[in-house]
Amino acid sequence: MVRSGQAADGSALATVGYNNPARPQLGVETLTHSELTSRLSLEELSRPHRPDFHQLTLVTGGRGVAMVDFVEYPCAAGTLLHVRPGQVQRIPRPLPDGSDRRGAPDSSGVLEAAVVLFTGAFPSHLERIAPLLGHPLGPAARTVPEGERTGISHALDELALEYRRAVEEAEAAGPTIDLLRQLLGALLLRIARLPGPDGPDEGDTGGTGGAGDDAYRRFLHELERSFTDTRNTADYAARIGYSPRTLNRLCQAATGRTAKTLIDARVVLEAKRLLAHTTLPVAAIGRRLGFTEPTNFGKFFTRETGGTPGAFRTRERG
């Protein structure tokens, strides 16, 4: 799966890069949850880490709990997790029967799941899956409706079958690699049309690939690139060639939130990641996020979260 190490700033957050042990040049890997966890030490399983690739997990049996960006998600059959590059996660762990979602890991607990790891560049370039892959604040977990589980399970099985074929081939075969791209794209299309936790999936405008969808995706791309440089809606609108009013309309249609709300939410998320998982001083975190004065960062964080950066750090570290 991965190679891991300490962050450059000396934090406790493990940085995780994509590394397929069976086919190093192949940008996709299918495996089971038990196969994934067998590669990791107890320390790696218990501590959070930040992958630079996508991780899809469909729970098929047992119960467990996962953590993605400070939110714990209970897992049962039908739970679909999608961890995007840069998100902080803790690998889903099984819970023993009768425990609550915060129960400690127990050897009697069982969690069965199909897992797909892939780089952002590997899937077929399909317009309808772009929001699913590119939304920095997209939903991390949802329950797959009963009527959709068979189709998604079959899509996972077909992908796993062709992946095993690719691993067994002595030489990289173009048709097999192309088929893997298409099968992963088909799986992602099935996921993209699922309802999100609170209705239509965030990041999906519900459109048909028109100019509005493209503009919103360009805004998301620019947001990931520039959220530490500017929090001004007008700056983002100018960079994608629209007026602030039009950008707000596009964001409202896609998520029900204004562009400014999405921008600030992205900054808050990064602040939480740095506060919880690094040893950087609060002032240094503020500077990294574009605040010239520590007091301005403190006021911003308190306004958005209801608590100070120091209080958040203390709470997350127990």
C-alpha atoms as a PDB file:
ATOM      1  CA  MET A   1       0.000   0.000   0.000  1.00  0.00           C
ATOM      2  CA  VAL A   2       2.205   2.776   1.279  1.00  0.00           C
ATOM      3  CA  ARG A   3       5.391   4.197   2.544  1.00  0.00           C
ATOM      4  CA  SER A   4       5.142   6.433   5.586  1.00  0.00           C
ATOM      5  CA  GLY A   5       7.268   8.781   7.656  1.00  0.00           C
ATOM      6  CA  GLN A   6       7.323  11.845   9.822  1.00  0.00           C
ATOM      7  CA  ALA A   7       6.173  15.163   8.433  1.00  0.00           C
ATOM      8  CA  ALA A   8       8.859  17.687   7.616  1.00  0.00           C
ATOM      9  CA  ASP A   9       7.838  19.886  10.538  1.00  0.00           C
ATOM     10  CA  GLY A  10       8.406  17.078  13.055  1.00  0.00           C
ATOM     11  CA  SER A  11       4.734  16.405  13.649  1.00  0.00           C
ATOM     12  CA  ALA A  12       3.254  13.119  14.772  1.00  0.00           C
ATOM     13  CA  LEU A  13       1.186  12.938  11.601  1.00  0.00           C
ATOM     14  CA  ALA A  14       2.454  10.214   9.284  1.00  0.00           C
ATOM     15  CA  THR A  15       2.658  11.203   5.646  1.00  0.00           C
ATOM     16  CA  VAL A  16       1.618   8.374   3.354  1.00  0.00           C
ATOM     17  CA  GLY A  17       2.462   8.032  -0.321  1.00  0.00           C
ATOM     18  CA  TYR A  18       0.973   5.660  -2.859  1.00  0.00           C
ATOM     19  CA  ASN A  19       3.101   2.577  -3.443  1.00  0.00           C
ATOM     20  CA  ASN A  20       1.688  -0.549  -5.064  1.00  0.00           C
ATOM     21  CA  PRO A  21       3.915  -3.432  -3.863  1.00  0.00           C
ATOM     22  CA  ALA A  22       2.734  -5.852  -6.556  1.00  0.00           C
ATOM     23  CA  ARG A  23       2.882  -3.509  -9.564  1.00  0.00           C
ATOM     24  CA  PRO A  24       4.796  -0.320  -8.659  1.00  0.00           C
ATOM     25  CA  GLN A  25       3.823   1.498 -11.871  1.00  0.00           C
ATOM     26  CA  LEU A  26       0.117   0.683 -11.629  1.00  0.00           C
ATOM     27  CA  GLY A  27      -2.006   3.475 -10.173  1.00  0.00           C
ATOM     28  CA  VAL A  28      -4.712   1.252  -8.702  1.00  0.00           C
ATOM     29  CA  GLU A  29      -4.799  -1.588  -6.188  1.00  0.00           C
ATOM     30  CA  THR A  30      -7.662  -3.718  -4.890  1.00  0.00           C
ATOM     31  CA  LEU A  31      -7.509  -5.638  -1.618  1.00  0.00           C
ATOM     32  CA  THR A  32      -9.513  -6.520   1.468  1.00  0.00           C
ATOM     33  CA  HIS A  33      -9.542  -4.635   4.746  1.00  0.00           C
ATOM     34  CA  SER A  34      -7.751  -7.525   6.466  1.00  0.00           C
ATOM     35  CA  GLU A  35      -5.026  -7.510   3.798  1.00  0.00           C
ATOM     36  CA  LEU A  36      -4.594  -3.774   4.257  1.00  0.00           C
ATOM     37  CA  THR A  37      -4.332  -3.917   8.048  1.00  0.00           C
ATOM     38  CA  SER A  38      -1.937  -6.884   7.931  1.00  0.00           C
ATOM     39  CA  ARG A  39       0.652  -4.616   6.297  1.00  0.00           C
ATOM     40  CA  LEU A  40       0.587  -2.092   9.122  1.00  0.00           C
ATOM     41  CA  SER A  41       1.959  -2.116  12.651  1.00  0.00           C
ATOM     42  CA  LEU A  42      -0.283  -1.522  15.664  1.00  0.00           C
ATOM     43  CA  GLU A  43       1.154   1.979  15.918  1.00  0.00           C
ATOM     44  CA  GLU A  44       0.343   2.722  12.281  1.00  0.00           C
ATOM     45  CA  LEU A  45      -3.190   1.404  12.740  1.00  0.00           C
ATOM     46  CA  SER A  46      -3.842   3.542  15.815  1.00  0.00           C
ATOM     47  CA  ARG A  47      -2.378   6.863  14.713  1.00  0.00           C
ATOM     48  CA  PRO A  48      -3.812   9.211  12.086  1.00  0.00           C
ATOM     49  CA  HIS A  49      -2.142   9.642   8.738  1.00  0.00           C
ATOM     50  CA  ARG A  50      -2.573  11.720   5.598  1.00  0.00           C
ATOM     51  CA  PRO A  51      -2.508   9.805   2.271  1.00  0.00           C
ATOM     52  CA  ASP A  52      -1.788  11.436  -1.065  1.00  0.00           C
ATOM     53  CA  PHE A  53      -4.146   9.068  -2.910  1.00  0.00           C
ATOM     54  CA  HIS A  54      -7.815   8.054  -2.901  1.00  0.00           C
ATOM     55  CA  GLN A  55      -9.054   5.237  -0.682  1.00  0.00           C
ATOM     56  CA  LEU A  56     -12.494   3.678  -1.182  1.00  0.00           C
ATOM     57  CA  THR A  57     -13.786   1.217   1.416  1.00  0.00           C
ATOM     58  CA  LEU A  58     -17.092  -0.645   1.124  1.00  0.00           C
ATOM     59  CA  VAL A  59     -17.950  -2.434   4.368  1.00  0.00           C
ATOM     60  CA  THR A  60     -19.554  -5.808   3.708  1.00  0.00           C
ATOM     61  CA  GLY A  61     -19.728  -7.285   7.210  1.00  0.00           C
ATOM     62  CA  GLY A  62     -19.103  -6.638  10.893  1.00  0.00           C
ATOM     63  CA  ARG A  63     -19.014  -3.307  12.676  1.00  0.00           C
ATOM     64  CA  GLY A  64     -16.335  -0.705  13.117  1.00  0.00           C
ATOM     65  CA  VAL A  65     -15.452   2.949  13.346  1.00  0.00           C
ATOM     66  CA  ALA A  66     -13.391   5.190  11.066  1.00  0.00           C
ATOM     67  CA  MET A  67     -12.088   8.727  11.563  1.00  0.00           C
ATOM     68  CA  VAL A  68     -11.771  11.241   8.743  1.00  0.00           C
ATOM     69  CA  ASP A  69     -10.867  14.866   9.449  1.00  0.00           C
ATOM     70  CA  PHE A  70     -11.937  14.840  13.112  1.00  0.00           C
ATOM     71  CA  VAL A  71     -15.271  13.104  12.504  1.00  0.00           C
ATOM     72  CA  GLU A  72     -15.848   9.522  13.640  1.00  0.00           C
ATOM     73  CA  TYR A  73     -18.025   7.411  11.333  1.00  0.00           C
ATOM     74  CA  PRO A  74     -19.677   4.189  12.527  1.00  0.00           C
ATOM     75  CA  CYS A  75     -19.262   1.458   9.908  1.00  0.00           C
ATOM     76  CA  ALA A  76     -21.579  -1.444   9.136  1.00  0.00           C
ATOM     77  CA  ALA A  77     -22.555  -3.408   6.048  1.00  0.00           C
ATOM     78  CA  GLY A  78     -23.301  -0.911   3.292  1.00  0.00           C
ATOM     79  CA  THR A  79     -21.094   1.892   4.633  1.00  0.00           C
ATOM     80  CA  LEU A  80     -18.992   3.453   1.876  1.00  0.00           C
ATOM     81  CA  LEU A  81     -15.954   5.522   2.902  1.00  0.00           C
ATOM     82  CA  HIS A  82     -14.074   7.793   0.519  1.00  0.00           C
ATOM     83  CA  VAL A  83     -10.852   9.320   1.815  1.00  0.00           C
ATOM     84  CA  ARG A  84      -9.446  11.898  -0.594  1.00  0.00           C
ATOM     85  CA  PRO A  85      -5.806  12.944  -0.985  1.00  0.00           C
ATOM     86  CA  GLY A  86      -4.761  15.227   1.867  1.00  0.00           C
ATOM     87  CA  GLN A  87      -7.512  14.192   4.265  1.00  0.00           C
ATOM     88  CA  VAL A  88      -6.466  12.967   7.702  1.00  0.00           C
ATOM     89  CA  GLN A  89      -7.773   9.498   8.508  1.00  0.00           C
ATOM     90  CA  ARG A  90      -7.448   6.614  10.883  1.00  0.00           C
ATOM     91  CA  ILE A  91      -7.866   3.182   9.264  1.00  0.00           C
ATOM     92  CA  PRO A  92     -11.319   1.730  10.100  1.00  0.00           C
ATOM     93  CA  ARG A  93     -11.037  -0.554  13.104  1.00  0.00           C
ATOM     94  CA  PRO A  94     -13.465  -3.315  14.135  1.00  0.00           C
ATOM     95  CA  LEU A  95     -15.639  -3.055  17.206  1.00  0.00           C
ATOM     96  CA  PRO A  96     -16.679  -6.013  19.332  1.00  0.00           C
ATOM     97  CA  ASP A  97     -20.375  -6.862  19.486  1.00  0.00           C
ATOM     98  CA  GLY A  98     -22.239  -4.680  21.928  1.00  0.00           C
ATOM     99  CA  SER A  99     -19.730  -1.811  22.076  1.00  0.00           C
ATOM    100  CA  ASP A 100     -20.568   1.739  21.152  1.00  0.00           C
ATOM    101  CA  ARG A 101     -18.872   3.635  18.312  1.00  0.00           C
ATOM    102  CA  ARG A 102     -16.092   4.787  20.631  1.00  0.00           C
ATOM    103  CA  GLY A 103     -15.349   1.298  21.917  1.00  0.00           C
ATOM    104  CA  ALA A 104     -11.729   0.190  21.973  1.00  0.00           C
ATOM    105  CA  PRO A 105     -10.442  -2.168  19.271  1.00  0.00           C
ATOM    106  CA  ASP A 106     -10.944  -5.784  20.263  1.00  0.00           C
ATOM    107  CA  SER A 107      -9.652  -8.990  18.731  1.00  0.00           C
ATOM    108  CA  SER A 108     -13.185 -10.402  18.890  1.00  0.00           C
ATOM    109  CA  GLY A 109     -14.426  -7.700  16.570  1.00  0.00           C
ATOM    110  CA  VAL A 110     -14.754  -8.364  12.844  1.00  0.00           C
ATOM    111  CA  LEU A 111     -14.793  -5.887   9.988  1.00  0.00           C
ATOM    112  CA  GLU A 112     -15.031  -7.129   6.420  1.00  0.00           C
ATOM    113  CA  ALA A 113     -14.582  -4.676   3.564  1.00  0.00           C
ATOM    114  CA  ALA A 114     -13.432  -4.296  -0.018  1.00  0.00           C
ATOM    115  CA  VAL A 115     -10.783  -1.588  -0.486  1.00  0.00           C
ATOM    116  CA  VAL A 116      -9.617   0.250  -3.597  1.00  0.00           C
ATOM    117  CA  LEU A 117      -6.553   2.499  -3.529  1.00  0.00           C
ATOM    118  CA  PHE A 118      -5.855   4.680  -6.554  1.00  0.00           C
ATOM    119  CA  THR A 119      -4.045   7.809  -7.644  1.00  0.00           C
ATOM    120  CA  GLY A 120      -5.966  10.808  -8.899  1.00  0.00           C
ATOM    121  CA  ALA A 121      -4.449  10.399 -12.355  1.00  0.00           C
ATOM    122  CA  PHE A 122      -5.432   6.755 -12.889  1.00  0.00           C
ATOM    123  CA  PRO A 123      -9.219   6.761 -13.541  1.00  0.00           C
ATOM    124  CA  SER A 124     -10.671   7.560 -16.944  1.00  0.00           C
ATOM    125  CA  HIS A 125     -11.218  11.296 -17.344  1.00  0.00           C
ATOM    126  CA  LEU A 126     -15.007  11.494 -17.081  1.00  0.00           C
ATOM    127  CA  GLU A 127     -16.741  14.798 -16.391  1.00  0.00           C
ATOM    128  CA  ARG A 128     -19.316  13.275 -14.067  1.00  0.00           C
ATOM    129  CA  ILE A 129     -16.722  11.910 -11.625  1.00  0.00           C
ATOM    130  CA  ALA A 130     -14.604  15.071 -11.486  1.00  0.00           C
ATOM    131  CA  PRO A 131     -16.598  16.620  -8.575  1.00  0.00           C
ATOM    132  CA  LEU A 132     -16.460  13.336  -6.648  1.00  0.00           C
ATOM    133  CA  LEU A 133     -12.671  13.184  -6.918  1.00  0.00           C
ATOM    134  CA  GLY A 134     -11.877  16.866  -6.627  1.00  0.00           C
ATOM    135  CA  HIS A 135     -14.166  18.211  -3.896  1.00  0.00           C
ATOM    136  CA  PRO A 136     -11.935  18.994  -0.868  1.00  0.00           C
ATOM    137  CA  LEU A 137     -14.959  19.078   1.439  1.00  0.00           C
ATOM    138  CA  GLY A 138     -16.923  16.213  -0.115  1.00  0.00           C
ATOM    139  CA  PRO A 139     -18.677  13.630   2.089  1.00  0.00           C
ATOM    140  CA  ALA A 140     -16.343  11.018   3.567  1.00  0.00           C
ATOM    141  CA  ALA A 141     -19.021   8.436   4.404  1.00  0.00           C
ATOM    142  CA  ARG A 142     -22.462   7.412   3.309  1.00  0.00           C
ATOM    143  CA  THR A 143     -24.718   4.382   3.446  1.00  0.00           C
ATOM    144  CA  VAL A 144     -25.256   2.743   0.065  1.00  0.00           C
ATOM    145  CA  PRO A 145     -29.002   2.169  -0.472  1.00  0.00           C
ATOM    146  CA  GLU A 146     -30.033  -1.484  -0.594  1.00  0.00           C
ATOM    147  CA  GLY A 147     -31.012  -1.236  -4.253  1.00  0.00           C
ATOM    148  CA  GLU A 148     -27.530  -0.006  -5.251  1.00  0.00           C
ATOM    149  CA  ARG A 149     -25.367  -2.407  -3.233  1.00  0.00           C
ATOM    150  CA  THR A 150     -25.488  -5.292  -5.713  1.00  0.00           C
ATOM    151  CA  GLY A 151     -24.373  -3.094  -8.608  1.00  0.00           C
ATOM    152  CA  ILE A 152     -21.504  -1.541  -6.654  1.00  0.00           C
ATOM    153  CA  SER A 153     -20.426  -4.939  -5.305  1.00  0.00           C
ATOM    154  CA  HIS A 154     -20.362  -6.373  -8.835  1.00  0.00           C
ATOM    155  CA  ALA A 155     -18.341  -3.364 -10.026  1.00  0.00           C
ATOM    156  CA  LEU A 156     -15.823  -3.968  -7.218  1.00  0.00           C
ATOM    157  CA  ASP A 157     -15.627  -7.680  -8.062  1.00  0.00           C
ATOM    158  CA  GLU A 158     -14.943  -6.986 -11.747  1.00  0.00           C
ATOM    159  CA  LEU A 159     -12.278  -4.448 -10.843  1.00  0.00           C
ATOM    160  CA  ALA A 160     -10.623  -6.918  -8.442  1.00  0.00           C
ATOM    161  CA  LEU A 161     -10.691  -9.666 -11.069  1.00  0.00           C
ATOM    162  CA  GLU A 162      -8.918  -7.553 -13.673  1.00  0.00           C
ATOM    163  CA  TYR A 163      -6.492  -6.239 -11.078  1.00  0.00           C
ATOM    164  CA  ARG A 164      -5.424  -9.801 -10.238  1.00  0.00           C
ATOM    165  CA  ARG A 165      -4.939 -10.442 -13.950  1.00  0.00           C
ATOM    166  CA  ALA A 166      -2.756  -7.338 -14.247  1.00  0.00           C
ATOM    167  CA  VAL A 167      -0.624  -8.487 -11.309  1.00  0.00           C
ATOM    168  CA  GLU A 168      -0.192 -11.966 -12.761  1.00  0.00           C
ATOM    169  CA  GLU A 169       0.902 -10.711 -16.177  1.00  0.00           C
ATOM    170  CA  ALA A 170       4.665 -10.662 -16.567  1.00  0.00           C
ATOM    171  CA  GLU A 171       4.572  -7.544 -18.732  1.00  0.00           C
ATOM    172  CA  ALA A 172       2.300  -4.536 -18.567  1.00  0.00           C
ATOM    173  CA  ALA A 173      -0.538  -5.162 -21.012  1.00  0.00           C
ATOM    174  CA  GLY A 174      -2.192  -2.116 -22.548  1.00  0.00           C
ATOM    175  CA  PRO A 175      -5.682  -3.641 -22.924  1.00  0.00           C
ATOM    176  CA  THR A 176      -5.725  -4.798 -19.291  1.00  0.00           C
ATOM    177  CA  ILE A 177      -4.608  -1.394 -17.995  1.00  0.00           C
ATOM    178  CA  ASP A 178      -7.192   0.358 -20.170  1.00  0.00           C
ATOM    179  CA  LEU A 179      -9.873  -1.990 -18.879  1.00  0.00           C
ATOM    180  CA  LEU A 180      -8.861  -1.263 -15.294  1.00  0.00           C
ATOM    181  CA  ARG A 181      -9.227   2.473 -15.972  1.00  0.00           C
ATOM    182  CA  GLN A 182     -12.682   1.953 -17.454  1.00  0.00           C
ATOM    183  CA  LEU A 183     -13.842  -0.360 -14.676  1.00  0.00           C
ATOM    184  CA  LEU A 184     -12.668   2.100 -12.008  1.00  0.00           C
ATOM    185  CA  GLY A 185     -14.437   4.870 -13.907  1.00  0.00           C
ATOM    186  CA  ALA A 186     -17.654   2.819 -13.993  1.00  0.00           C
ATOM    187  CA  LEU A 187     -17.414   2.201 -10.232  1.00  0.00           C
ATOM    188  CA  LEU A 188     -16.904   5.919  -9.582  1.00  0.00           C
ATOM    189  CA  LEU A 189     -19.860   6.792 -11.820  1.00  0.00           C
ATOM    190  CA  ARG A 190     -22.053   4.484  -9.737  1.00  0.00           C
ATOM    191  CA  ILE A 191     -20.826   6.227  -6.586  1.00  0.00           C
ATOM    192  CA  ALA A 192     -21.257   9.710  -8.091  1.00  0.00           C
ATOM    193  CA  ARG A 193     -24.964   9.133  -8.643  1.00  0.00           C
ATOM    194  CA  LEU A 194     -25.580   7.981  -5.062  1.00  0.00           C
ATOM    195  CA  PRO A 195     -27.312  10.432  -2.731  1.00  0.00           C
ATOM    196  CA  GLY A 196     -24.984  12.098  -0.231  1.00  0.00           C
ATOM    197  CA  PRO A 197     -25.528  11.883   3.535  1.00  0.00           C
ATOM    198  CA  ASP A 198     -27.977  14.805   3.357  1.00  0.00           C
ATOM    199  CA  GLY A 199     -29.311  14.472  -0.177  1.00  0.00           C
ATOM    200  CA  PRO A 200     -27.478  15.040  -3.470  1.00  0.00           C
ATOM    201  CA  ASP A 201     -23.738  14.612  -3.252  1.00  0.00           C
ATOM    202  CA  GLU A 202     -21.779  17.726  -2.376  1.00  0.00           C
ATOM    203  CA  GLY A 203     -19.668  18.765  -5.300  1.00  0.00           C
ATOM    204  CA  ASP A 204     -22.209  17.471  -7.830  1.00  0.00           C
ATOM    205  CA  THR A 205     -24.229  20.298  -9.297  1.00  0.00           C
ATOM    206  CA  GLY A 206     -26.764  17.906 -10.707  1.00  0.00           C
ATOM    207  CA  GLY A 207     -26.020  19.332 -14.127  1.00  0.00           C
ATOM    208  CA  THR A 208     -24.992  17.602 -17.299  1.00  0.00           C
ATOM    209  CA  GLY A 209     -21.406  18.677 -17.669  1.00  0.00           C
ATOM    210  CA  GLY A 210     -22.193  22.205 -18.822  1.00  0.00           C
ATOM    211  CA  ALA A 211     -20.338  25.468 -18.320  1.00  0.00           C
ATOM    212  CA  GLY A 212     -21.614  25.839 -14.751  1.00  0.00           C
ATOM    213  CA  ASP A 213     -20.264  22.431 -13.722  1.00  0.00           C
ATOM    214  CA  ASP A 214     -16.909  23.205 -15.298  1.00  0.00           C
ATOM    215  CA  ALA A 215     -16.684  26.598 -13.588  1.00  0.00           C
ATOM    216  CA  TYR A 216     -17.481  25.084 -10.198  1.00  0.00           C
ATOM    217  CA  ARG A 217     -14.802  22.423 -10.661  1.00  0.00           C
ATOM    218  CA  ARG A 218     -12.296  25.118 -11.597  1.00  0.00           C
ATOM    219  CA  PHE A 219     -13.241  26.984  -8.427  1.00  0.00           C
ATOM    220  CA  LEU A 220     -12.563  23.852  -6.350  1.00  0.00           C
ATOM    221  CA  HIS A 221      -9.198  23.423  -8.051  1.00  0.00           C
ATOM    222  CA  GLU A 222      -8.298  27.051  -7.411  1.00  0.00           C
ATOM    223  CA  LEU A 223      -9.482  26.753  -3.809  1.00  0.00           C
ATOM    224  CA  GLU A 224      -7.077  23.863  -3.161  1.00  0.00           C
ATOM    225  CA  ARG A 225      -4.266  25.801  -4.787  1.00  0.00           C
ATOM    226  CA  SER A 226      -4.829  29.185  -3.137  1.00  0.00           C
ATOM    227  CA  PHE A 227      -6.673  28.904   0.188  1.00  0.00           C
ATOM    228  CA  THR A 228      -3.495  29.804   2.094  1.00  0.00           C
ATOM    229  CA  ASP A 229      -3.010  32.913  -0.059  1.00  0.00           C
ATOM    230  CA  THR A 230      -6.456  34.498  -0.195  1.00  0.00           C
ATOM    231  CA  ARG A 231      -9.890  34.162   1.393  1.00  0.00           C
ATOM    232  CA  ASN A 232     -11.459  36.776  -0.889  1.00  0.00           C
ATOM    233  CA  THR A 233     -14.354  35.585  -3.043  1.00  0.00           C
ATOM    234  CA  ALA A 234     -13.591  38.226  -5.675  1.00  0.00           C
ATOM    235  CA  ASP A 235     -10.062  36.849  -6.123  1.00  0.00           C
ATOM    236  CA  TYR A 236     -11.365  33.361  -6.869  1.00  0.00           C
ATOM    237  CA  ALA A 237     -14.070  34.678  -9.176  1.00  0.00           C
ATOM    238  CA  ALA A 238     -11.525  36.688 -11.172  1.00  0.00           C
ATOM    239  CA  ARG A 239      -9.176  33.720 -11.481  1.00  0.00           C
ATOM    240  CA  ILE A 240     -11.840  31.519 -13.073  1.00  0.00           C
ATOM    241  CA  GLY A 241     -13.304  34.328 -15.170  1.00  0.00           C
ATOM    242  CA  TYR A 242     -16.623  34.962 -13.409  1.00  0.00           C
ATOM    243  CA  SER A 243     -18.168  37.653 -11.269  1.00  0.00           C
ATOM    244  CA  PRO A 244     -18.439  37.093  -7.499  1.00  0.00           C
ATOM    245  CA  ARG A 245     -22.223  36.991  -7.848  1.00  0.00           C
ATOM    246  CA  THR A 246     -22.054  34.224 -10.459  1.00  0.00           C
ATOM    247  CA  LEU A 247     -19.532  32.254  -8.416  1.00  0.00           C
ATOM    248  CA  ASN A 248     -21.811  32.429  -5.381  1.00  0.00           C
ATOM    249  CA  ARG A 249     -24.723  31.217  -7.491  1.00  0.00           C
ATOM    250  CA  LEU A 250     -22.683  28.246  -8.727  1.00  0.00           C
ATOM    251  CA  CYS A 251     -21.596  27.322  -5.195  1.00  0.00           C
ATOM    252  CA  GLN A 252     -25.142  27.662  -3.875  1.00  0.00           C
ATOM    253  CA  ALA A 253     -26.422  25.368  -6.612  1.00  0.00           C
ATOM    254  CA  ALA A 254     -23.738  22.770  -5.885  1.00  0.00           C
ATOM    255  CA  THR A 255     -23.657  22.758  -2.087  1.00  0.00           C
ATOM    256  CA  GLY A 256     -26.212  25.189  -0.706  1.00  0.00           C
ATOM    257  CA  ARG A 257     -23.359  27.332   0.609  1.00  0.00           C
ATOM    258  CA  THR A 258     -21.754  30.541  -0.594  1.00  0.00           C
ATOM    259  CA  ALA A 259     -18.255  30.678  -2.044  1.00  0.00           C
ATOM    260  CA  LYS A 260     -17.031  32.557   1.042  1.00  0.00           C
ATOM    261  CA  THR A 261     -18.424  29.852   3.333  1.00  0.00           C
ATOM    262  CA  LEU A 262     -16.609  27.153   1.363  1.00  0.00           C
ATOM    263  CA  ILE A 263     -13.363  29.138   1.350  1.00  0.00           C
ATOM    264  CA  ASP A 264     -13.461  29.691   5.097  1.00  0.00           C
ATOM    265  CA  ALA A 265     -14.408  26.049   5.725  1.00  0.00           C
ATOM    266  CA  ARG A 266     -11.335  24.906   3.808  1.00  0.00           C
ATOM    267  CA  VAL A 267      -9.074  27.202   5.849  1.00  0.00           C
ATOM    268  CA  VAL A 268     -10.631  25.997   9.123  1.00  0.00           C
ATOM    269  CA  LEU A 269     -10.146  22.365   8.115  1.00  0.00           C
ATOM    270  CA  GLU A 270      -6.458  22.904   7.415  1.00  0.00           C
ATOM    271  CA  ALA A 271      -6.086  24.803  10.680  1.00  0.00           C
ATOM    272  CA  LYS A 272      -7.611  21.890  12.586  1.00  0.00           C
ATOM    273  CA  ARG A 273      -5.303  19.418  10.862  1.00  0.00           C
ATOM    274  CA  LEU A 274      -2.230  21.445  11.762  1.00  0.00           C
ATOM    275  CA  LEU A 275      -3.349  22.141  15.328  1.00  0.00           C
ATOM    276  CA  ALA A 276      -4.174  18.519  16.070  1.00  0.00           C
ATOM    277  CA  HIS A 277      -1.360  16.746  14.293  1.00  0.00           C
ATOM    278  CA  THR A 278       1.680  19.023  14.355  1.00  0.00           C
ATOM    279  CA  THR A 279       3.775  20.709  17.014  1.00  0.00           C
ATOM    280  CA  LEU A 280       3.798  24.028  15.176  1.00  0.00           C
ATOM    281  CA  PRO A 281       3.043  27.051  17.396  1.00  0.00           C
ATOM    282  CA  VAL A 282      -0.388  28.587  16.860  1.00  0.00           C
ATOM    283  CA  ALA A 283       1.205  31.749  15.454  1.00  0.00           C
ATOM    284  CA  ALA A 284       3.170  29.718  12.904  1.00  0.00           C
ATOM    285  CA  ILE A 285       0.012  27.919  11.818  1.00  0.00           C
ATOM    286  CA  GLY A 286      -1.695  31.272  11.357  1.00  0.00           C
ATOM    287  CA  ARG A 287       1.161  32.510   9.173  1.00  0.00           C
ATOM    288  CA  ARG A 288       1.081  29.319   7.116  1.00  0.00           C
ATOM    289  CA  LEU A 289      -2.601  29.937   6.439  1.00  0.00           C
ATOM    290  CA  GLY A 290      -2.062  33.524   5.335  1.00  0.00           C
ATOM    291  CA  PHE A 291      -2.771  35.472   8.534  1.00  0.00           C
ATOM    292  CA  THR A 292      -0.237  38.223   9.114  1.00  0.00           C
ATOM    293  CA  GLU A 293      -1.179  38.657  12.795  1.00  0.00           C
ATOM    294  CA  PRO A 294      -1.732  35.830  15.314  1.00  0.00           C
ATOM    295  CA  THR A 295      -4.682  37.707  16.811  1.00  0.00           C
ATOM    296  CA  ASN A 296      -6.444  37.747  13.437  1.00  0.00           C
ATOM    297  CA  PHE A 297      -6.042  33.988  13.109  1.00  0.00           C
ATOM    298  CA  GLY A 298      -7.354  33.480  16.636  1.00  0.00           C
ATOM    299  CA  LYS A 299     -10.407  35.656  15.992  1.00  0.00           C
ATOM    300  CA  PHE A 300     -11.109  33.892  12.685  1.00  0.00           C
ATOM    301  CA  PHE A 301     -10.832  30.406  14.196  1.00  0.00           C
ATOM    302  CA  THR A 302     -12.977  31.317  17.192  1.00  0.00           C
ATOM    303  CA  ARG A 303     -15.644  32.866  14.993  1.00  0.00           C
ATOM    304  CA  GLU A 304     -15.814  29.826  12.725  1.00  0.00           C
ATOM    305  CA  THR A 305     -15.591  27.081  15.363  1.00  0.00           C
ATOM    306  CA  GLY A 306     -16.779  28.621  18.612  1.00  0.00           C
ATOM    307  CA  GLY A 307     -13.468  27.972  20.396  1.00  0.00           C
ATOM    308  CA  THR A 308      -9.880  29.151  20.394  1.00  0.00           C
ATOM    309  CA  PRO A 309      -7.070  27.359  18.508  1.00  0.00           C
ATOM    310  CA  GLY A 310      -5.406  26.469  21.819  1.00  0.00           C
ATOM    311  CA  ALA A 311      -8.594  24.967  23.240  1.00  0.00           C
ATOM    312  CA  PHE A 312      -9.117  22.896  20.093  1.00  0.00           C
ATOM    313  CA  ARG A 313      -5.545  21.585  20.221  1.00  0.00           C
ATOM    314  CA  THR A 314      -5.881  20.646  23.898  1.00  0.00           C
ATOM    315  CA  ARG A 315      -9.179  18.837  23.322  1.00  0.00           C
ATOM    316  CA  GLU A 316      -7.955  16.858  20.300  1.00  0.00           C
ATOM    317  CA  ARG A 317      -4.834  15.742  22.136  1.00  0.00           C
ATOM    318  CA  GLY A 318      -6.863  14.552  25.104  1.00  0.00           C
END
